[in-house]
């Protein structure tokens, strides 16, 4: 008898550690980590039919339609390494995509088993994301986790550190607001299906992993 495949959808705002956890959980459970960003890059670089189709929209500055994204996901899930299931990272993004994903899994005899939502207060997210400072040589520091010995001065060459536009607190705050605006209907969708599990993302990485694994096994 075939072992039932496990499908996990990771949710969480920028800075919550969703990508990190998706990788760890996939490894722990012997599943494939499917990041839609990676999937797009792979199809574009290999110039697959789907990649060319996606590029035709991107080149016109348009959003890639859901059916193209879903076709990429379907092709990826059909590969032998996905037999045990997958951890989805960055997909679905909307209730419409979630419904299409449910239909796709139903076709292959699966379903979304659990949706860990890594919850982190906005002020902590801003602190994590806007703490990054760069040296002109490309070295990366963080105000909290990896500060330079002298404030805002590169340890190696003594030049002044700078902050990229997208790491500035106001830009970071806007990114988080956009995330919640776009994703709250999806959070609601999975809450209604009974698969959403809220995980405290302010805990140490190992503890977050432990809580997600508990939720999967439950």
N, C-alpha and C. Protein backbone atom coordinates (compact mmCIF):
# COMPACT_ATOMS: atom_id res chain seq x y z
N UNK A 1 0.84 -1.20 0.00
CA UNK A 1 0.00 0.00 0.00
C UNK A 1 0.87 1.24 0.00
N UNK A 2 0.53 2.20 -0.84
CA UNK A 2 1.33 3.41 -0.92
C UNK A 2 1.13 4.27 0.31
N UNK A 3 2.25 4.83 0.82
CA UNK A 3 2.17 5.75 1.95
C UNK A 3 1.54 7.06 1.46
N UNK A 4 0.66 7.61 2.28
CA UNK A 4 -0.03 8.84 1.89
C UNK A 4 0.96 10.01 1.85
N UNK A 5 0.90 10.80 0.79
CA UNK A 5 1.79 11.97 0.68
C UNK A 5 1.31 13.08 1.62
N UNK A 6 2.24 13.89 2.09
CA UNK A 6 1.94 15.01 3.00
C UNK A 6 2.17 16.33 2.28
N UNK A 7 1.19 17.22 2.36
CA UNK A 7 1.32 18.54 1.74
C UNK A 7 1.14 19.63 2.79
N UNK A 8 2.17 20.47 2.88
CA UNK A 8 2.18 21.54 3.88
C UNK A 8 2.29 22.88 3.16
N UNK A 9 1.46 23.84 3.55
CA UNK A 9 1.55 25.20 2.97
C UNK A 9 2.05 26.13 4.07
N UNK A 10 3.21 26.74 3.86
CA UNK A 10 3.78 27.65 4.85
C UNK A 10 3.28 29.07 4.61
N UNK A 11 2.82 29.72 5.69
CA UNK A 11 2.42 31.12 5.59
C UNK A 11 3.17 31.94 6.63
N UNK A 12 3.43 33.19 6.30
CA UNK A 12 4.09 34.08 7.25
C UNK A 12 4.56 35.34 6.56
N UNK A 13 4.53 36.46 7.26
CA UNK A 13 4.95 37.73 6.66
C UNK A 13 6.45 37.78 6.39
N UNK A 14 6.92 38.77 5.61
CA UNK A 14 8.36 38.91 5.37
C UNK A 14 9.07 39.05 6.72
N UNK A 15 10.16 38.30 6.90
CA UNK A 15 10.92 38.42 8.15
C UNK A 15 10.49 37.44 9.22
N UNK A 16 9.45 36.62 8.93
CA UNK A 16 8.96 35.67 9.94
C UNK A 16 9.81 34.40 9.96
N UNK A 17 10.62 34.19 8.92
CA UNK A 17 11.46 32.99 8.85
C UNK A 17 10.79 31.83 8.14
N UNK A 18 9.79 32.15 7.32
CA UNK A 18 9.01 31.14 6.60
C UNK A 18 9.88 30.27 5.69
N UNK A 19 10.74 30.91 4.88
CA UNK A 19 11.61 30.18 3.95
C UNK A 19 12.57 29.25 4.68
N UNK A 20 13.15 29.76 5.77
CA UNK A 20 14.08 28.95 6.59
C UNK A 20 13.37 27.73 7.14
N UNK A 21 12.16 27.95 7.70
CA UNK A 21 11.42 26.84 8.29
C UNK A 21 10.96 25.84 7.22
N UNK A 22 10.55 26.35 6.06
CA UNK A 22 10.11 25.46 4.97
C UNK A 22 11.23 24.49 4.60
N UNK A 23 12.47 25.01 4.51
CA UNK A 23 13.62 24.17 4.17
C UNK A 23 13.87 23.12 5.25
N UNK A 24 13.85 23.56 6.52
CA UNK A 24 14.12 22.65 7.65
C UNK A 24 13.06 21.55 7.72
N UNK A 25 11.78 21.96 7.63
CA UNK A 25 10.67 21.01 7.75
C UNK A 25 10.72 19.99 6.61
N UNK A 26 11.00 20.46 5.39
CA UNK A 26 11.10 19.56 4.24
C UNK A 26 12.18 18.51 4.48
N UNK A 27 13.32 18.97 4.98
CA UNK A 27 14.45 18.07 5.25
C UNK A 27 14.10 17.06 6.35
N UNK A 28 13.50 17.57 7.43
CA UNK A 28 13.13 16.71 8.57
C UNK A 28 12.16 15.60 8.17
N UNK A 29 11.23 15.94 7.26
CA UNK A 29 10.17 14.99 6.92
C UNK A 29 10.42 14.25 5.59
N UNK A 30 11.55 14.56 4.96
CA UNK A 30 11.87 13.90 3.69
C UNK A 30 10.93 14.33 2.57
N UNK A 31 10.48 15.59 2.63
CA UNK A 31 9.59 16.13 1.60
C UNK A 31 10.39 17.06 0.70
N UNK A 32 9.77 17.49 -0.40
CA UNK A 32 10.43 18.44 -1.30
C UNK A 32 10.00 19.85 -0.92
N UNK A 33 10.97 20.76 -0.86
CA UNK A 33 10.67 22.17 -0.59
C UNK A 33 10.42 22.85 -1.93
N UNK A 34 9.17 23.30 -2.15
CA UNK A 34 8.86 23.97 -3.42
C UNK A 34 8.65 25.46 -3.18
N UNK A 35 9.62 26.24 -3.62
CA UNK A 35 9.51 27.70 -3.54
C UNK A 35 9.12 28.19 -4.93
N UNK A 36 8.02 28.95 -5.00
CA UNK A 36 7.58 29.39 -6.33
C UNK A 36 8.61 30.29 -6.99
N UNK A 37 9.37 31.03 -6.19
CA UNK A 37 10.44 31.86 -6.76
C UNK A 37 11.44 31.00 -7.51
N UNK A 38 11.86 29.89 -6.87
CA UNK A 38 12.82 28.96 -7.50
C UNK A 38 12.21 28.32 -8.75
N UNK A 39 10.91 27.99 -8.64
CA UNK A 39 10.20 27.34 -9.73
C UNK A 39 10.17 28.23 -10.97
N UNK A 40 9.88 29.51 -10.76
CA UNK A 40 9.86 30.48 -11.87
C UNK A 40 11.25 30.60 -12.48
N UNK A 41 12.27 30.74 -11.61
CA UNK A 41 13.64 30.89 -12.12
C UNK A 41 14.05 29.68 -12.94
N UNK A 42 13.70 28.49 -12.45
CA UNK A 42 14.05 27.25 -13.16
C UNK A 42 13.39 27.21 -14.55
N UNK A 43 12.09 27.51 -14.60
CA UNK A 43 11.37 27.47 -15.88
C UNK A 43 11.86 28.55 -16.85
N UNK A 44 12.22 29.72 -16.31
CA UNK A 44 12.73 30.80 -17.17
C UNK A 44 14.12 30.46 -17.70
N UNK A 45 14.99 29.94 -16.79
CA UNK A 45 16.37 29.68 -17.25
C UNK A 45 16.43 28.49 -18.21
N UNK A 46 15.55 27.50 -18.01
CA UNK A 46 15.54 26.33 -18.91
C UNK A 46 14.72 26.59 -20.16
N UNK A 47 14.09 27.76 -20.18
CA UNK A 47 13.23 28.15 -21.32
C UNK A 47 12.22 27.06 -21.66
N UNK A 48 11.54 26.54 -20.63
CA UNK A 48 10.47 25.56 -20.85
C UNK A 48 9.29 26.30 -21.50
N UNK A 49 8.32 25.53 -21.98
CA UNK A 49 7.13 26.16 -22.58
C UNK A 49 6.45 27.08 -21.57
N UNK A 50 6.35 26.60 -20.33
CA UNK A 50 5.71 27.41 -19.28
C UNK A 50 6.56 28.64 -18.95
N UNK A 51 7.88 28.45 -18.98
CA UNK A 51 8.79 29.56 -18.73
C UNK A 51 8.65 30.65 -19.78
N UNK A 52 8.56 30.22 -21.04
CA UNK A 52 8.38 31.19 -22.15
C UNK A 52 7.05 31.92 -22.02
N UNK A 53 6.01 31.15 -21.62
CA UNK A 53 4.68 31.75 -21.45
C UNK A 53 4.71 32.79 -20.32
N UNK A 54 5.34 32.42 -19.19
CA UNK A 54 5.46 33.36 -18.05
C UNK A 54 6.24 34.61 -18.47
N UNK A 55 7.33 34.39 -19.22
CA UNK A 55 8.18 35.52 -19.66
C UNK A 55 7.39 36.49 -20.54
N UNK A 56 6.48 35.94 -21.36
CA UNK A 56 5.72 36.83 -22.26
C UNK A 56 4.87 37.83 -21.47
N UNK A 57 4.38 37.41 -20.30
CA UNK A 57 3.61 38.33 -19.45
C UNK A 57 4.55 39.27 -18.71
N UNK A 58 5.64 38.71 -18.16
CA UNK A 58 6.59 39.51 -17.38
C UNK A 58 7.23 40.60 -18.23
N UNK A 59 7.53 40.26 -19.48
CA UNK A 59 8.16 41.24 -20.37
C UNK A 59 7.24 42.42 -20.69
N UNK A 60 5.93 42.17 -20.55
CA UNK A 60 4.98 43.26 -20.78
C UNK A 60 4.64 43.98 -19.47
N UNK A 61 5.34 43.56 -18.40
CA UNK A 61 5.09 44.18 -17.09
C UNK A 61 3.78 43.73 -16.47
N UNK A 62 3.26 42.58 -16.93
CA UNK A 62 1.98 42.08 -16.41
C UNK A 62 2.23 40.95 -15.40
N UNK A 63 1.24 40.70 -14.55
CA UNK A 63 1.32 39.60 -13.61
C UNK A 63 1.13 38.28 -14.36
N UNK A 64 1.88 37.27 -13.95
CA UNK A 64 1.73 35.95 -14.57
C UNK A 64 0.39 35.38 -14.10
N UNK A 65 -0.49 34.96 -15.02
CA UNK A 65 -1.81 34.44 -14.61
C UNK A 65 -1.70 33.19 -13.73
N UNK A 66 -2.70 33.02 -12.87
CA UNK A 66 -2.72 31.88 -11.95
C UNK A 66 -2.54 30.54 -12.65
N UNK A 67 -3.21 30.37 -13.83
CA UNK A 67 -3.15 29.04 -14.46
C UNK A 67 -1.74 28.66 -14.90
N UNK A 68 -0.91 29.67 -15.20
CA UNK A 68 0.48 29.38 -15.58
C UNK A 68 1.26 28.93 -14.34
N UNK A 69 1.09 29.66 -13.24
CA UNK A 69 1.76 29.31 -11.98
C UNK A 69 1.33 27.91 -11.54
N UNK A 70 0.02 27.64 -11.61
CA UNK A 70 -0.51 26.34 -11.18
C UNK A 70 0.03 25.22 -12.06
N UNK A 71 0.14 25.47 -13.37
CA UNK A 71 0.70 24.47 -14.28
C UNK A 71 2.15 24.15 -13.90
N UNK A 72 2.91 25.18 -13.50
CA UNK A 72 4.30 24.96 -13.06
C UNK A 72 4.33 24.09 -11.79
N UNK A 73 3.43 24.41 -10.85
CA UNK A 73 3.35 23.64 -9.60
C UNK A 73 2.96 22.19 -9.91
N UNK A 74 1.98 22.02 -10.81
CA UNK A 74 1.52 20.67 -11.16
C UNK A 74 2.66 19.84 -11.77
N UNK A 75 3.41 20.48 -12.68
CA UNK A 75 4.53 19.78 -13.32
C UNK A 75 5.57 19.37 -12.26
N UNK A 76 5.83 20.29 -11.31
CA UNK A 76 6.85 20.01 -10.27
C UNK A 76 6.39 18.86 -9.37
N UNK A 77 5.09 18.85 -9.03
CA UNK A 77 4.58 17.80 -8.14
C UNK A 77 4.53 16.43 -8.83
N UNK A 78 4.58 16.43 -10.17
CA UNK A 78 4.51 15.15 -10.90
C UNK A 78 5.86 14.43 -10.94
N UNK A 79 6.93 15.11 -10.48
CA UNK A 79 8.25 14.47 -10.54
C UNK A 79 8.40 13.43 -9.42
N UNK A 80 9.21 12.40 -9.67
CA UNK A 80 9.33 11.30 -8.70
C UNK A 80 9.72 11.73 -7.28
N UNK A 81 10.53 12.79 -7.16
CA UNK A 81 10.99 13.18 -5.81
C UNK A 81 9.86 13.74 -4.94
N UNK A 82 8.68 14.00 -5.55
CA UNK A 82 7.56 14.55 -4.78
C UNK A 82 6.58 13.47 -4.30
N UNK A 83 6.99 12.21 -4.45
CA UNK A 83 6.10 11.09 -4.13
C UNK A 83 5.59 11.16 -2.68
N UNK A 84 6.49 11.60 -1.77
CA UNK A 84 6.10 11.66 -0.35
C UNK A 84 5.35 12.94 0.01
N UNK A 85 5.38 13.93 -0.93
CA UNK A 85 4.69 15.19 -0.68
C UNK A 85 5.62 16.38 -0.78
N UNK A 86 5.13 17.54 -0.33
CA UNK A 86 5.91 18.77 -0.51
C UNK A 86 5.55 19.82 0.53
N UNK A 87 6.52 20.71 0.75
CA UNK A 87 6.30 21.90 1.58
C UNK A 87 6.25 23.09 0.63
N UNK A 88 5.10 23.74 0.56
CA UNK A 88 4.91 24.86 -0.36
C UNK A 88 5.32 26.18 0.29
N UNK A 89 6.14 26.94 -0.42
CA UNK A 89 6.67 28.19 0.12
C UNK A 89 6.45 29.30 -0.92
N UNK A 90 5.49 30.19 -0.65
CA UNK A 90 5.20 31.28 -1.60
C UNK A 90 4.03 30.96 -2.52
N UNK A 91 3.38 29.84 -2.28
CA UNK A 91 2.21 29.45 -3.06
C UNK A 91 1.36 28.54 -2.18
N UNK A 92 0.03 28.67 -2.23
CA UNK A 92 -0.76 29.70 -2.92
C UNK A 92 -0.65 31.06 -2.22
N UNK A 93 -0.99 32.12 -2.98
CA UNK A 93 -0.95 33.48 -2.44
C UNK A 93 -2.34 34.09 -2.26
N UNK A 94 -3.34 33.47 -2.93
CA UNK A 94 -4.70 34.02 -2.88
C UNK A 94 -5.68 32.86 -2.69
N UNK A 95 -6.92 33.15 -2.22
CA UNK A 95 -7.91 32.07 -2.10
C UNK A 95 -8.17 31.37 -3.44
N UNK A 96 -8.14 32.11 -4.56
CA UNK A 96 -8.36 31.50 -5.88
C UNK A 96 -7.26 30.47 -6.17
N UNK A 97 -6.02 30.82 -5.85
CA UNK A 97 -4.90 29.87 -6.04
C UNK A 97 -5.04 28.69 -5.09
N UNK A 98 -5.53 28.95 -3.87
CA UNK A 98 -5.71 27.87 -2.89
C UNK A 98 -6.75 26.87 -3.37
N UNK A 99 -7.83 27.39 -3.96
CA UNK A 99 -8.88 26.50 -4.49
C UNK A 99 -8.34 25.66 -5.64
N UNK A 100 -7.56 26.32 -6.53
CA UNK A 100 -6.97 25.60 -7.67
C UNK A 100 -5.98 24.54 -7.17
N UNK A 101 -5.24 24.87 -6.11
CA UNK A 101 -4.27 23.92 -5.53
C UNK A 101 -5.01 22.72 -4.92
N UNK A 102 -6.11 23.00 -4.23
CA UNK A 102 -6.93 21.91 -3.66
C UNK A 102 -7.40 20.97 -4.76
N UNK A 103 -7.87 21.56 -5.88
CA UNK A 103 -8.38 20.75 -7.01
C UNK A 103 -7.25 19.92 -7.61
N UNK A 104 -6.06 20.53 -7.71
CA UNK A 104 -4.89 19.84 -8.26
C UNK A 104 -4.50 18.65 -7.37
N UNK A 105 -4.49 18.87 -6.05
CA UNK A 105 -4.12 17.79 -5.13
C UNK A 105 -5.16 16.66 -5.15
N UNK A 106 -6.42 17.06 -5.27
CA UNK A 106 -7.50 16.07 -5.32
C UNK A 106 -7.29 15.11 -6.51
N UNK A 107 -6.85 15.71 -7.62
CA UNK A 107 -6.58 14.93 -8.85
C UNK A 107 -5.54 13.84 -8.62
N UNK A 108 -4.56 14.15 -7.73
CA UNK A 108 -3.48 13.18 -7.50
C UNK A 108 -3.68 12.44 -6.16
N UNK A 109 -4.90 12.57 -5.63
CA UNK A 109 -5.25 11.82 -4.41
C UNK A 109 -4.68 12.38 -3.13
N UNK A 110 -4.39 13.69 -3.12
CA UNK A 110 -3.85 14.30 -1.90
C UNK A 110 -4.71 15.46 -1.43
N UNK A 111 -4.27 16.09 -0.33
CA UNK A 111 -4.93 17.31 0.15
C UNK A 111 -3.94 18.08 1.00
N UNK A 112 -4.24 19.36 1.26
CA UNK A 112 -3.40 20.15 2.16
C UNK A 112 -3.63 19.63 3.57
N UNK A 113 -2.56 19.16 4.21
CA UNK A 113 -2.70 18.57 5.55
C UNK A 113 -2.66 19.61 6.66
N UNK A 114 -1.73 20.53 6.55
CA UNK A 114 -1.59 21.54 7.60
C UNK A 114 -0.99 22.83 7.02
N UNK A 115 -1.43 23.95 7.58
CA UNK A 115 -0.94 25.26 7.12
C UNK A 115 -0.38 26.01 8.33
N UNK A 116 0.94 25.87 8.59
CA UNK A 116 1.53 26.61 9.69
C UNK A 116 1.63 28.10 9.32
N UNK A 117 1.03 28.95 10.15
CA UNK A 117 1.13 30.39 9.94
C UNK A 117 2.07 30.94 11.01
N UNK A 118 3.26 31.36 10.58
CA UNK A 118 4.26 31.86 11.53
C UNK A 118 3.94 33.31 11.85
N UNK A 119 3.46 33.51 13.06
CA UNK A 119 2.95 34.82 13.48
C UNK A 119 4.02 35.58 14.26
N UNK A 120 4.34 36.78 13.80
CA UNK A 120 5.34 37.62 14.46
C UNK A 120 4.79 39.05 14.50
N UNK A 121 4.82 39.71 15.67
CA UNK A 121 4.31 41.09 15.74
C UNK A 121 5.07 42.01 14.77
N UNK A 122 4.33 42.99 14.24
CA UNK A 122 4.92 43.90 13.24
C UNK A 122 6.21 44.57 13.71
N UNK A 123 6.23 45.00 14.98
CA UNK A 123 7.43 45.74 15.44
C UNK A 123 8.66 44.83 15.44
N UNK A 124 8.46 43.53 15.71
CA UNK A 124 9.59 42.58 15.68
C UNK A 124 10.05 42.37 14.24
N UNK A 125 9.08 42.26 13.32
CA UNK A 125 9.42 42.10 11.89
C UNK A 125 10.23 43.30 11.40
N UNK A 126 9.78 44.50 11.76
CA UNK A 126 10.48 45.72 11.32
C UNK A 126 11.91 45.73 11.89
N UNK A 127 12.03 45.35 13.16
CA UNK A 127 13.34 45.28 13.82
C UNK A 127 14.26 44.29 13.09
N UNK A 128 13.71 43.12 12.74
CA UNK A 128 14.51 42.09 12.06
C UNK A 128 14.93 42.54 10.66
N UNK A 129 13.96 43.09 9.92
CA UNK A 129 14.22 43.40 8.51
C UNK A 129 14.96 44.71 8.29
N UNK A 130 14.76 45.66 9.19
CA UNK A 130 15.39 46.97 8.95
C UNK A 130 16.72 47.11 9.68
N UNK A 131 17.18 46.01 10.30
CA UNK A 131 18.45 46.08 11.03
C UNK A 131 19.66 45.82 10.16
N UNK A 132 19.42 45.58 8.86
CA UNK A 132 20.53 45.18 7.98
C UNK A 132 21.28 46.41 7.45
N UNK A 133 22.61 46.37 7.57
CA UNK A 133 23.48 47.44 7.05
C UNK A 133 24.57 46.80 6.22
N UNK A 134 24.99 47.50 5.17
CA UNK A 134 25.96 46.93 4.22
C UNK A 134 27.24 47.77 4.20
N UNK A 135 28.36 47.08 3.88
CA UNK A 135 29.59 47.83 3.61
C UNK A 135 29.69 47.99 2.10
N UNK A 136 30.51 48.93 1.66
CA UNK A 136 30.67 49.16 0.21
C UNK A 136 31.23 47.91 -0.48
N UNK A 137 31.95 47.08 0.30
CA UNK A 137 32.53 45.86 -0.26
C UNK A 137 31.52 44.71 -0.26
N UNK A 138 30.31 44.98 0.25
CA UNK A 138 29.26 43.96 0.21
C UNK A 138 29.13 43.12 1.47
N UNK A 139 29.89 43.49 2.53
CA UNK A 139 29.73 42.74 3.79
C UNK A 139 28.42 43.15 4.45
N UNK A 140 27.75 42.17 5.07
CA UNK A 140 26.43 42.45 5.66
C UNK A 140 26.51 42.41 7.18
N UNK A 141 25.97 43.45 7.81
CA UNK A 141 25.88 43.51 9.27
C UNK A 141 24.41 43.61 9.67
N UNK A 142 24.14 43.34 10.95
CA UNK A 142 22.79 43.54 11.45
C UNK A 142 22.88 44.22 12.80
N UNK A 143 22.08 45.27 12.97
CA UNK A 143 22.12 46.07 14.20
C UNK A 143 21.98 45.21 15.46
N UNK A 144 21.16 44.13 15.39
CA UNK A 144 20.93 43.28 16.57
C UNK A 144 21.78 42.02 16.56
N UNK A 145 21.82 41.34 15.40
CA UNK A 145 22.39 39.98 15.39
C UNK A 145 23.84 39.91 14.97
N UNK A 146 24.33 40.95 14.29
CA UNK A 146 25.72 40.91 13.84
C UNK A 146 26.24 42.34 13.72
N UNK A 147 26.28 43.08 14.86
CA UNK A 147 26.67 44.49 14.76
C UNK A 147 28.17 44.65 14.52
N UNK A 148 28.57 45.75 13.85
CA UNK A 148 30.01 46.01 13.70
C UNK A 148 30.59 46.42 15.05
N UNK A 149 31.92 46.33 15.20
CA UNK A 149 32.55 46.70 16.49
C UNK A 149 32.35 48.18 16.80
N UNK A 150 32.45 49.01 15.75
CA UNK A 150 32.18 50.45 15.91
C UNK A 150 30.90 50.73 15.14
N UNK A 151 29.96 51.45 15.78
CA UNK A 151 28.65 51.66 15.17
C UNK A 151 28.75 52.24 13.75
N UNK A 152 28.12 51.51 12.80
CA UNK A 152 27.97 51.89 11.39
C UNK A 152 29.31 52.06 10.66
N UNK A 153 30.37 51.37 11.19
CA UNK A 153 31.67 51.39 10.50
C UNK A 153 32.07 49.94 10.19
N UNK A 154 32.52 49.69 8.97
CA UNK A 154 32.91 48.33 8.57
C UNK A 154 34.14 47.88 9.36
N UNK A 155 34.05 46.66 9.95
CA UNK A 155 35.15 46.11 10.75
C UNK A 155 36.43 45.95 9.95
N UNK A 156 36.31 45.65 8.66
CA UNK A 156 37.49 45.30 7.86
C UNK A 156 38.22 46.53 7.31
N UNK A 157 37.47 47.40 6.59
CA UNK A 157 38.19 48.52 5.94
C UNK A 157 37.87 49.89 6.52
N UNK A 158 37.06 49.94 7.58
CA UNK A 158 36.81 51.22 8.27
C UNK A 158 35.92 52.20 7.51
N UNK A 159 35.34 51.76 6.39
CA UNK A 159 34.44 52.67 5.65
C UNK A 159 33.07 52.68 6.33
N UNK A 160 32.29 53.72 5.99
CA UNK A 160 30.97 53.88 6.59
C UNK A 160 29.98 52.88 5.99
N UNK A 161 29.14 52.29 6.85
CA UNK A 161 28.11 51.38 6.37
C UNK A 161 26.91 52.18 5.85
N UNK A 162 26.15 51.56 4.97
CA UNK A 162 24.94 52.24 4.46
C UNK A 162 23.77 51.26 4.50
N UNK A 163 22.56 51.81 4.40
CA UNK A 163 21.37 50.97 4.39
C UNK A 163 20.68 51.06 3.04
N UNK A 164 20.35 49.88 2.49
CA UNK A 164 19.66 49.86 1.19
C UNK A 164 18.24 50.39 1.38
N UNK A 165 17.70 50.96 0.29
CA UNK A 165 16.34 51.54 0.34
C UNK A 165 15.32 50.54 0.88
N UNK A 166 15.40 49.28 0.35
CA UNK A 166 14.36 48.32 0.76
C UNK A 166 14.56 47.76 2.17
N UNK A 167 15.65 48.16 2.84
CA UNK A 167 15.84 47.76 4.24
C UNK A 167 15.45 48.86 5.22
N UNK A 168 15.05 50.03 4.69
CA UNK A 168 14.71 51.15 5.59
C UNK A 168 13.36 50.88 6.26
N UNK A 169 13.21 51.29 7.54
CA UNK A 169 11.99 50.96 8.30
C UNK A 169 10.68 51.28 7.58
N UNK A 170 10.61 52.45 6.89
CA UNK A 170 9.33 52.82 6.23
C UNK A 170 9.01 51.87 5.06
N UNK A 171 10.07 51.44 4.33
CA UNK A 171 9.86 50.51 3.21
C UNK A 171 9.43 49.15 3.75
N UNK A 172 10.09 48.72 4.83
CA UNK A 172 9.80 47.43 5.45
C UNK A 172 8.35 47.41 5.96
N UNK A 173 7.94 48.50 6.63
CA UNK A 173 6.58 48.61 7.16
C UNK A 173 5.57 48.48 6.03
N UNK A 174 5.86 49.12 4.90
CA UNK A 174 4.96 49.07 3.75
C UNK A 174 4.86 47.63 3.21
N UNK A 175 6.00 46.94 3.12
CA UNK A 175 6.02 45.55 2.64
C UNK A 175 5.14 44.65 3.51
N UNK A 176 5.21 44.86 4.82
CA UNK A 176 4.43 44.04 5.76
C UNK A 176 2.94 44.34 5.60
N UNK A 177 2.62 45.64 5.44
CA UNK A 177 1.20 46.04 5.25
C UNK A 177 0.63 45.39 3.98
N UNK A 178 1.42 45.44 2.90
CA UNK A 178 0.99 44.86 1.62
C UNK A 178 0.77 43.35 1.78
N UNK A 179 1.69 42.69 2.51
CA UNK A 179 1.56 41.25 2.73
C UNK A 179 0.21 40.93 3.39
N UNK A 180 -0.10 41.64 4.48
CA UNK A 180 -1.33 41.34 5.21
C UNK A 180 -2.58 41.66 4.40
N UNK A 181 -2.49 42.73 3.63
CA UNK A 181 -3.61 43.13 2.77
C UNK A 181 -3.92 42.01 1.77
N UNK A 182 -2.84 41.48 1.17
CA UNK A 182 -3.01 40.45 0.14
C UNK A 182 -3.30 39.06 0.72
N UNK A 183 -2.75 38.81 1.91
CA UNK A 183 -2.79 37.43 2.41
C UNK A 183 -3.87 37.16 3.44
N UNK A 184 -4.45 38.20 4.06
CA UNK A 184 -5.45 37.92 5.10
C UNK A 184 -6.62 37.07 4.59
N UNK A 185 -7.12 37.26 3.32
CA UNK A 185 -8.18 36.37 2.85
C UNK A 185 -7.73 34.90 2.77
N UNK A 186 -6.43 34.69 2.48
CA UNK A 186 -5.89 33.33 2.39
C UNK A 186 -5.81 32.70 3.78
N UNK A 187 -5.38 33.50 4.76
CA UNK A 187 -5.31 33.03 6.15
C UNK A 187 -6.71 32.59 6.59
N UNK A 188 -7.69 33.41 6.23
CA UNK A 188 -9.10 33.13 6.56
C UNK A 188 -9.57 31.84 5.87
N UNK A 189 -9.19 31.70 4.61
CA UNK A 189 -9.57 30.51 3.82
C UNK A 189 -9.12 29.23 4.53
N UNK A 190 -7.84 29.21 4.95
CA UNK A 190 -7.31 28.01 5.59
C UNK A 190 -7.85 27.84 7.02
N UNK A 191 -8.17 28.96 7.66
CA UNK A 191 -8.78 28.86 9.00
C UNK A 191 -10.13 28.14 8.88
N UNK A 192 -10.88 28.51 7.83
CA UNK A 192 -12.20 27.91 7.62
C UNK A 192 -12.11 26.42 7.26
N UNK A 193 -11.03 26.02 6.59
CA UNK A 193 -10.89 24.60 6.23
C UNK A 193 -10.37 23.79 7.43
N UNK A 194 -9.99 24.48 8.49
CA UNK A 194 -9.52 23.79 9.70
C UNK A 194 -8.08 23.32 9.64
N UNK A 195 -7.33 23.82 8.65
CA UNK A 195 -5.93 23.36 8.51
C UNK A 195 -4.91 24.37 9.05
N UNK A 196 -5.37 25.60 9.36
CA UNK A 196 -4.44 26.65 9.81
C UNK A 196 -4.02 26.41 11.26
N UNK A 197 -2.69 26.48 11.49
CA UNK A 197 -2.17 26.39 12.86
C UNK A 197 -1.26 27.59 13.06
N UNK A 198 -1.58 28.42 14.05
CA UNK A 198 -0.76 29.61 14.31
C UNK A 198 0.44 29.22 15.17
N UNK A 199 1.62 29.60 14.69
CA UNK A 199 2.88 29.28 15.38
C UNK A 199 3.52 30.58 15.84
N UNK A 200 4.00 30.61 17.07
CA UNK A 200 4.65 31.81 17.60
C UNK A 200 6.06 31.93 17.00
N UNK A 201 6.21 32.89 16.08
CA UNK A 201 7.48 33.05 15.37
C UNK A 201 8.51 33.88 16.10
N UNK A 202 8.21 34.28 17.36
CA UNK A 202 9.21 35.06 18.11
C UNK A 202 10.14 34.12 18.89
N UNK A 203 9.82 32.84 18.87
CA UNK A 203 10.64 31.86 19.61
C UNK A 203 11.94 31.56 18.84
N UNK A 204 12.90 30.90 19.48
CA UNK A 204 14.11 30.49 18.75
C UNK A 204 13.74 29.58 17.57
N UNK A 205 14.57 29.60 16.54
CA UNK A 205 14.32 28.81 15.31
C UNK A 205 13.97 27.35 15.63
N UNK A 206 14.74 26.72 16.54
CA UNK A 206 14.53 25.29 16.86
C UNK A 206 13.15 25.05 17.46
N UNK A 207 12.71 26.01 18.29
CA UNK A 207 11.40 25.87 18.96
C UNK A 207 10.26 26.03 17.93
N UNK A 208 10.45 26.95 16.98
CA UNK A 208 9.45 27.14 15.91
C UNK A 208 9.34 25.85 15.10
N UNK A 209 10.50 25.27 14.75
CA UNK A 209 10.53 24.00 14.01
C UNK A 209 9.78 22.91 14.79
N UNK A 210 10.08 22.81 16.07
CA UNK A 210 9.46 21.80 16.94
C UNK A 210 7.93 21.96 16.92
N UNK A 211 7.45 23.19 17.05
CA UNK A 211 6.00 23.46 17.07
C UNK A 211 5.34 23.10 15.73
N UNK A 212 6.05 23.39 14.62
CA UNK A 212 5.50 23.07 13.30
C UNK A 212 5.42 21.55 13.13
N UNK A 213 6.49 20.84 13.52
CA UNK A 213 6.50 19.38 13.40
C UNK A 213 5.40 18.75 14.24
N UNK A 214 5.16 19.31 15.44
CA UNK A 214 4.06 18.83 16.29
C UNK A 214 2.73 18.99 15.58
N UNK A 215 2.54 20.15 14.94
CA UNK A 215 1.29 20.44 14.24
C UNK A 215 1.10 19.48 13.06
N UNK A 216 2.21 19.17 12.36
CA UNK A 216 2.13 18.25 11.21
C UNK A 216 1.73 16.86 11.69
N UNK A 217 2.38 16.42 12.78
CA UNK A 217 2.09 15.06 13.28
C UNK A 217 0.70 14.96 13.86
N UNK A 218 0.19 16.06 14.39
CA UNK A 218 -1.18 16.05 14.97
C UNK A 218 -2.21 15.94 13.86
